[in-house]
Amino acid sequence: MSELVAMLENYNIDIAGIQETRMLGQQRIKEQGWDIILSGRTDNMHTGGVGLVLSQRASKALIEYEFIDERLLNVRFFSRHAKLSIIVAYAPTEEATDEENKLDAVLAKVPSHDVCTIIGDLNAKEGTAADQCLRVIGRHGAGSSANNNETRLLELCTTHNLVIGGTLFPHRRINTTTWKSPNGTTLNQIDHIIIRGKWRRSLQDVRSYNGADIYSDHKLVISKVRTSLAKIKRPPEIRIFADHLLRIPKVKEEFSLKLSNRFKALADLGAEESVDKSWKSQK
């Protein structure tokens, strides 16, 4: 995690989704001042696992988070214009109707006024369906041969009015593809940042970076979003005095002594200030 945090600091990233962490359980941990929310398996099998890594600034805007399973995590933030809901997803390479249904259910629960974003490894290659689905994908995808996951992803995006951000902005192919095969011969665009259609113009850029290497065959994908995280104004802490303890004679005696000493110190200080003021007036 320390290498990941160092990379995020280097790229000036506030919020990062991670997939295939292979970490167990559902937990929230700290790493070098960063807040890390992890959702993994609970059966001692080190597969899957998703998480969200937050800078101190992002952590202050955190409202709530929901652990769903080792492939889905839902986190909500406070921002200046609308609340921000981020779903971290990790799709299997094979068909998995249950996971699709879970993601569909999570999306259905996101308030309609939220800036809703999905970030993750969705194993869906972007094909050439732009002419038929311009509301979902733009004209600047990597142009890989489509797979079954892409068809299901397009259906999901159409249902929930979502746009695939990595297809909206013109970049070189090396900066649109997000995954490289072990032999280095195959490049695909399977990691996506998806945003609700009504907030499409808030998305300023999406591209992958080759220099961010933390021993993964996936590239770092960064989006720039025009929104401002805002620190939550929490109510002031209310101190409750345990005055019932004064019924205990020993506690009452100690309290009276400390209170008497405190007032005596204040009285002495006032006397010193009065003498000092009088002396200055005589000079």
Protein backbone atom coordinates (compact mmCIF):
# COMPACT_ATOMS: atom_id res chain seq x y z
CA MET A 1 0.00 0.00 0.00
CA SER A 2 2.89 2.39 0.64
CA GLU A 3 3.92 2.24 -3.04
CA LEU A 4 0.32 2.91 -4.11
CA VAL A 5 0.06 5.92 -1.80
CA ALA A 6 3.37 7.30 -3.10
CA MET A 7 2.11 6.98 -6.68
CA LEU A 8 -1.18 8.75 -5.88
CA GLU A 9 0.70 11.59 -4.22
CA ASN A 10 2.98 11.85 -7.24
CA TYR A 11 -0.01 12.18 -9.59
CA ASN A 12 -1.90 14.50 -7.20
CA ILE A 13 -4.91 12.17 -6.93
CA ASP A 14 -7.52 12.57 -4.17
CA ILE A 15 -9.68 9.48 -4.76
CA ALA A 16 -8.54 6.18 -6.28
CA GLY A 17 -10.46 2.97 -6.88
CA ILE A 18 -8.51 -0.29 -6.66
CA GLN A 19 -9.53 -3.78 -7.78
CA GLU A 20 -8.32 -7.32 -7.22
CA THR A 21 -6.73 -6.39 -3.91
CA ARG A 22 -6.98 -10.03 -2.70
CA MET A 23 -7.35 -8.71 0.84
CA LEU A 24 -9.78 -10.37 3.21
CA GLY A 25 -12.69 -8.88 5.10
CA GLN A 26 -14.32 -5.49 5.20
CA GLN A 27 -12.17 -2.85 6.81
CA ARG A 28 -11.09 0.75 6.94
CA ILE A 29 -7.40 1.38 7.52
CA LYS A 30 -4.88 4.24 7.52
CA GLU A 31 -1.67 4.34 5.48
CA GLN A 32 0.64 7.35 5.71
CA GLY A 33 -2.27 9.69 6.36
CA TRP A 34 -4.46 8.19 3.61
CA ASP A 35 -7.84 6.60 4.33
CA ILE A 36 -8.35 3.18 2.70
CA ILE A 37 -11.75 1.44 2.58
CA LEU A 38 -11.52 -2.23 1.59
CA SER A 39 -14.22 -4.76 0.73
CA GLY A 40 -13.01 -8.34 0.35
CA ARG A 41 -14.04 -11.94 0.72
CA THR A 42 -14.90 -13.40 4.10
CA ASP A 43 -14.20 -17.06 3.32
CA ASN A 44 -10.37 -16.93 3.49
CA MET A 45 -10.05 -17.08 -0.30
CA HIS A 46 -7.62 -14.43 -1.53
CA THR A 47 -9.40 -13.51 -4.76
CA GLY A 48 -11.23 -10.40 -5.87
CA GLY A 49 -11.40 -7.49 -3.50
CA VAL A 50 -12.07 -3.80 -4.17
CA GLY A 51 -11.25 -0.60 -2.34
CA LEU A 52 -11.20 3.17 -2.37
CA VAL A 53 -8.14 5.18 -1.33
CA LEU A 54 -8.75 8.71 -0.05
CA SER A 55 -6.48 11.66 0.56
CA GLN A 56 -6.97 13.64 3.76
CA ARG A 57 -9.00 16.21 1.83
CA ALA A 58 -11.31 13.56 0.37
CA SER A 59 -11.63 11.79 3.71
CA LYS A 60 -12.98 14.97 5.31
CA ALA A 61 -15.80 14.99 2.73
CA LEU A 62 -16.76 11.34 3.33
CA ILE A 63 -20.40 10.84 4.27
CA GLU A 64 -20.90 7.08 4.29
CA TYR A 65 -19.82 3.83 2.67
CA GLU A 66 -21.46 0.47 2.03
CA PHE A 67 -19.62 -2.83 1.79
CA ILE A 68 -21.44 -5.00 -0.75
CA ASP A 69 -19.07 -7.85 -1.56
CA GLU A 70 -15.57 -8.52 -2.89
CA ARG A 71 -16.55 -6.96 -6.23
CA LEU A 72 -18.59 -3.92 -5.23
CA LEU A 73 -18.15 -0.99 -2.86
CA ASN A 74 -20.37 2.09 -2.66
CA VAL A 75 -19.03 5.35 -1.16
CA ARG A 76 -20.68 8.76 -0.87
CA PHE A 77 -19.10 12.20 -0.47
CA PHE A 78 -20.23 15.73 0.21
CA SER A 79 -19.36 18.30 -2.50
CA ARG A 80 -20.30 21.92 -3.02
CA HIS A 81 -22.92 21.45 -5.74
CA ALA A 82 -24.23 17.89 -5.27
CA LYS A 83 -23.32 14.80 -3.34
CA LEU A 84 -20.89 12.45 -5.07
CA SER A 85 -21.56 8.69 -5.17
CA ILE A 86 -18.68 6.47 -6.28
CA ILE A 87 -19.17 2.77 -6.98
CA VAL A 88 -15.98 0.72 -7.20
CA ALA A 89 -16.57 -2.37 -9.35
CA TYR A 90 -14.57 -5.41 -10.39
CA ALA A 91 -16.30 -7.50 -13.05
CA PRO A 92 -15.40 -11.15 -13.66
CA THR A 93 -14.13 -12.17 -17.09
CA GLU A 94 -16.91 -14.73 -17.42
CA GLU A 95 -20.65 -14.11 -17.31
CA ALA A 96 -21.93 -13.38 -13.83
CA THR A 97 -25.60 -12.47 -13.71
CA ASP A 98 -25.60 -12.14 -9.91
CA GLU A 99 -22.91 -9.45 -9.97
CA GLU A 100 -24.73 -7.56 -12.72
CA ASN A 101 -27.93 -7.66 -10.69
CA LYS A 102 -26.08 -6.37 -7.62
CA LEU A 103 -24.56 -3.47 -9.56
CA ASP A 104 -27.94 -2.69 -11.08
CA ALA A 105 -29.49 -2.64 -7.59
CA VAL A 106 -26.76 -0.35 -6.23
CA LEU A 107 -27.23 2.09 -9.12
CA ALA A 108 -30.97 2.10 -8.57
CA LYS A 109 -30.43 3.24 -4.96
CA VAL A 110 -28.18 6.20 -5.82
CA PRO A 111 -30.18 9.44 -5.39
CA SER A 112 -31.08 10.98 -8.74
CA HIS A 113 -29.43 14.32 -7.90
CA ASP A 114 -26.05 12.75 -7.01
CA VAL A 115 -23.00 12.89 -9.26
CA CYS A 116 -22.87 9.12 -9.80
CA THR A 117 -19.61 7.54 -10.94
CA ILE A 118 -18.47 3.95 -11.50
CA ILE A 119 -14.75 3.26 -11.50
CA GLY A 120 -13.26 -0.14 -12.03
CA ASP A 121 -11.98 -3.09 -13.97
CA LEU A 122 -15.12 -4.06 -15.86
CA ASN A 123 -13.46 -6.45 -18.33
CA ALA A 124 -15.57 -4.86 -21.07
CA LYS A 125 -13.74 -4.07 -24.32
CA GLU A 126 -15.05 -1.07 -26.21
CA GLY A 127 -16.06 -2.03 -29.74
CA THR A 128 -17.47 0.10 -32.55
CA ALA A 129 -21.01 0.62 -31.32
CA ALA A 130 -20.64 4.39 -31.06
CA ASP A 131 -23.05 5.13 -33.92
CA GLN A 132 -25.84 3.26 -32.15
CA CYS A 133 -24.97 4.33 -28.58
CA LEU A 134 -23.72 7.93 -28.74
CA ARG A 135 -25.45 8.68 -25.44
CA VAL A 136 -23.34 5.97 -23.77
CA ILE A 137 -19.98 5.96 -25.56
CA GLY A 138 -18.18 8.64 -27.52
CA ARG A 139 -16.12 8.36 -30.68
CA HIS A 140 -12.71 8.12 -29.03
CA GLY A 141 -12.59 4.62 -27.57
CA ALA A 142 -9.69 2.26 -28.20
CA GLY A 143 -11.71 0.40 -30.85
CA SER A 144 -10.99 -3.11 -29.57
CA SER A 145 -13.12 -6.04 -30.68
CA ALA A 146 -16.19 -6.02 -28.48
CA ASN A 147 -16.86 -8.86 -26.04
CA ASN A 148 -19.97 -10.05 -24.20
CA ASN A 149 -19.15 -7.89 -21.19
CA GLU A 150 -19.29 -4.80 -23.40
CA THR A 151 -22.81 -5.63 -24.54
CA ARG A 152 -23.97 -6.01 -20.95
CA LEU A 153 -22.16 -2.82 -19.92
CA LEU A 154 -23.86 -0.84 -22.69
CA GLU A 155 -27.24 -2.16 -21.58
CA LEU A 156 -26.49 -1.16 -17.98
CA CYS A 157 -25.36 2.33 -19.02
CA THR A 158 -28.41 2.81 -21.23
CA THR A 159 -30.75 1.78 -18.41
CA HIS A 160 -29.18 4.15 -15.88
CA ASN A 161 -28.24 6.99 -18.27
CA LEU A 162 -24.49 6.56 -17.83
CA VAL A 163 -21.63 7.63 -20.10
CA ILE A 164 -18.28 5.82 -20.50
CA GLY A 165 -15.77 8.59 -19.88
CA GLY A 166 -12.74 7.03 -21.56
CA THR A 167 -14.45 7.24 -24.96
CA LEU A 168 -15.20 10.96 -24.84
CA PHE A 169 -11.72 12.47 -25.17
CA PRO A 170 -9.25 12.15 -28.05
CA HIS A 171 -5.94 10.61 -27.02
CA ARG A 172 -3.32 8.41 -28.59
CA ARG A 173 -4.17 4.72 -28.45
CA ILE A 174 -1.43 4.20 -25.88
CA ASN A 175 -3.39 6.53 -23.56
CA THR A 176 -6.83 5.03 -24.20
CA THR A 177 -5.93 1.37 -23.68
CA THR A 178 -5.74 0.34 -20.03
CA TRP A 179 -4.51 -3.28 -20.04
CA LYS A 180 -1.58 -5.07 -21.65
CA SER A 181 -1.29 -8.84 -22.10
CA PRO A 182 1.66 -10.60 -20.40
CA ASN A 183 3.45 -10.98 -23.74
CA GLY A 184 2.91 -7.30 -24.51
CA THR A 185 1.21 -7.88 -27.85
CA THR A 186 -2.42 -7.17 -26.91
CA LEU A 187 -3.77 -3.85 -25.63
CA ASN A 188 -7.38 -3.38 -24.53
CA GLN A 189 -9.56 -0.74 -22.92
CA ILE A 190 -11.24 -2.68 -20.11
CA ASP A 191 -10.88 -0.32 -17.13
CA HIS A 192 -13.47 2.42 -17.13
CA ILE A 193 -14.58 5.59 -15.42
CA ILE A 194 -18.30 6.03 -16.00
CA ILE A 195 -20.42 9.03 -15.04
CA ARG A 196 -24.13 9.82 -14.96
CA GLY A 197 -25.19 11.49 -18.21
CA LYS A 198 -26.52 14.70 -16.65
CA TRP A 199 -23.04 15.35 -15.20
CA ARG A 200 -21.21 14.51 -18.42
CA ARG A 201 -19.87 18.05 -18.84
CA SER A 202 -18.31 17.89 -15.37
CA LEU A 203 -15.89 15.30 -16.73
CA GLN A 204 -12.93 17.21 -18.17
CA ASP A 205 -10.64 14.36 -19.19
CA VAL A 206 -10.05 10.60 -18.89
CA ARG A 207 -6.83 8.89 -19.97
CA SER A 208 -4.41 6.15 -18.95
CA TYR A 209 -0.81 6.63 -17.86
CA ASN A 210 2.04 4.27 -18.64
CA GLY A 211 4.52 5.62 -16.12
CA ALA A 212 2.53 4.55 -13.07
CA ASP A 213 3.89 1.06 -12.46
CA ILE A 214 3.01 -0.81 -9.28
CA TYR A 215 3.56 -4.33 -10.60
CA SER A 216 0.24 -4.62 -12.43
CA ASP A 217 -0.70 -5.38 -16.03
CA HIS A 218 -3.29 -2.59 -15.75
CA LYS A 219 -2.46 1.07 -16.29
CA LEU A 220 -3.43 3.91 -14.03
CA VAL A 221 -6.58 5.60 -15.38
CA ILE A 222 -7.14 9.19 -14.25
CA SER A 223 -10.18 11.39 -14.69
CA LYS A 224 -10.46 15.10 -14.05
CA VAL A 225 -13.85 16.10 -12.70
CA ARG A 226 -15.08 19.66 -12.30
CA THR A 227 -16.45 19.41 -8.78
CA SER A 228 -15.25 20.53 -5.37
CA LEU A 229 -15.17 18.25 -2.37
CA ALA A 230 -16.35 20.03 0.75
CA LYS A 231 -15.53 19.34 4.35
CA ILE A 232 -18.57 18.21 6.30
CA LYS A 233 -19.60 20.67 9.01
CA ARG A 234 -19.94 18.39 11.99
CA PRO A 235 -21.87 19.59 15.07
CA PRO A 236 -19.69 20.75 17.98
CA GLU A 237 -18.94 18.16 20.59
CA ILE A 238 -21.23 18.39 23.61
CA ARG A 239 -19.47 17.63 26.88
CA ILE A 240 -21.66 15.93 29.44
CA PHE A 241 -20.59 16.42 33.05
CA ALA A 242 -21.00 13.45 35.36
CA ASP A 243 -22.35 15.55 38.23
CA HIS A 244 -23.84 12.47 39.86
CA LEU A 245 -20.30 11.56 40.96
CA LEU A 246 -20.37 14.52 43.35
CA ARG A 247 -22.58 12.41 45.59
CA ILE A 248 -19.48 10.40 46.47
CA PRO A 249 -17.84 12.15 49.46
CA LYS A 250 -14.23 11.62 48.32
CA VAL A 251 -14.94 12.85 44.79
CA LYS A 252 -16.85 15.85 46.16
CA GLU A 253 -13.95 16.75 48.46
CA GLU A 254 -11.36 16.51 45.64
CA PHE A 255 -13.55 18.58 43.32
CA SER A 256 -14.09 21.28 45.96
CA LEU A 257 -10.35 21.48 46.63
CA LYS A 258 -9.45 21.79 42.92
CA LEU A 259 -12.19 24.38 42.38
CA SER A 260 -11.00 26.39 45.37
CA ASN A 261 -7.40 26.31 44.17
CA ARG A 262 -8.45 27.37 40.67
CA PHE A 263 -10.37 30.42 41.93
CA LYS A 264 -7.56 31.31 44.32
CA ALA A 265 -5.09 31.27 41.41
CA LEU A 266 -7.38 33.55 39.40
CA ALA A 267 -7.79 35.89 42.36
CA ASP A 268 -4.02 36.08 42.88
CA LEU A 269 -3.53 36.81 39.17
CA GLY A 270 -6.09 39.60 39.35
CA ALA A 271 -4.34 41.08 42.37
CA GLU A 272 -0.97 41.02 40.58
CA GLU A 273 -2.45 42.76 37.53
CA SER A 274 -4.06 45.39 39.78
CA VAL A 275 -0.75 46.15 41.56
CA ASP A 276 1.09 46.26 38.23
CA LYS A 277 -1.50 48.64 36.76
CA SER A 278 -1.31 50.86 39.88
CA TRP A 279 2.49 50.97 39.70
CA LYS A 280 2.40 51.96 36.03
CA SER A 281 -0.04 54.79 36.80
CA GLN A 282 2.34 56.16 39.45
CA LYS A 283 5.33 56.29 37.08
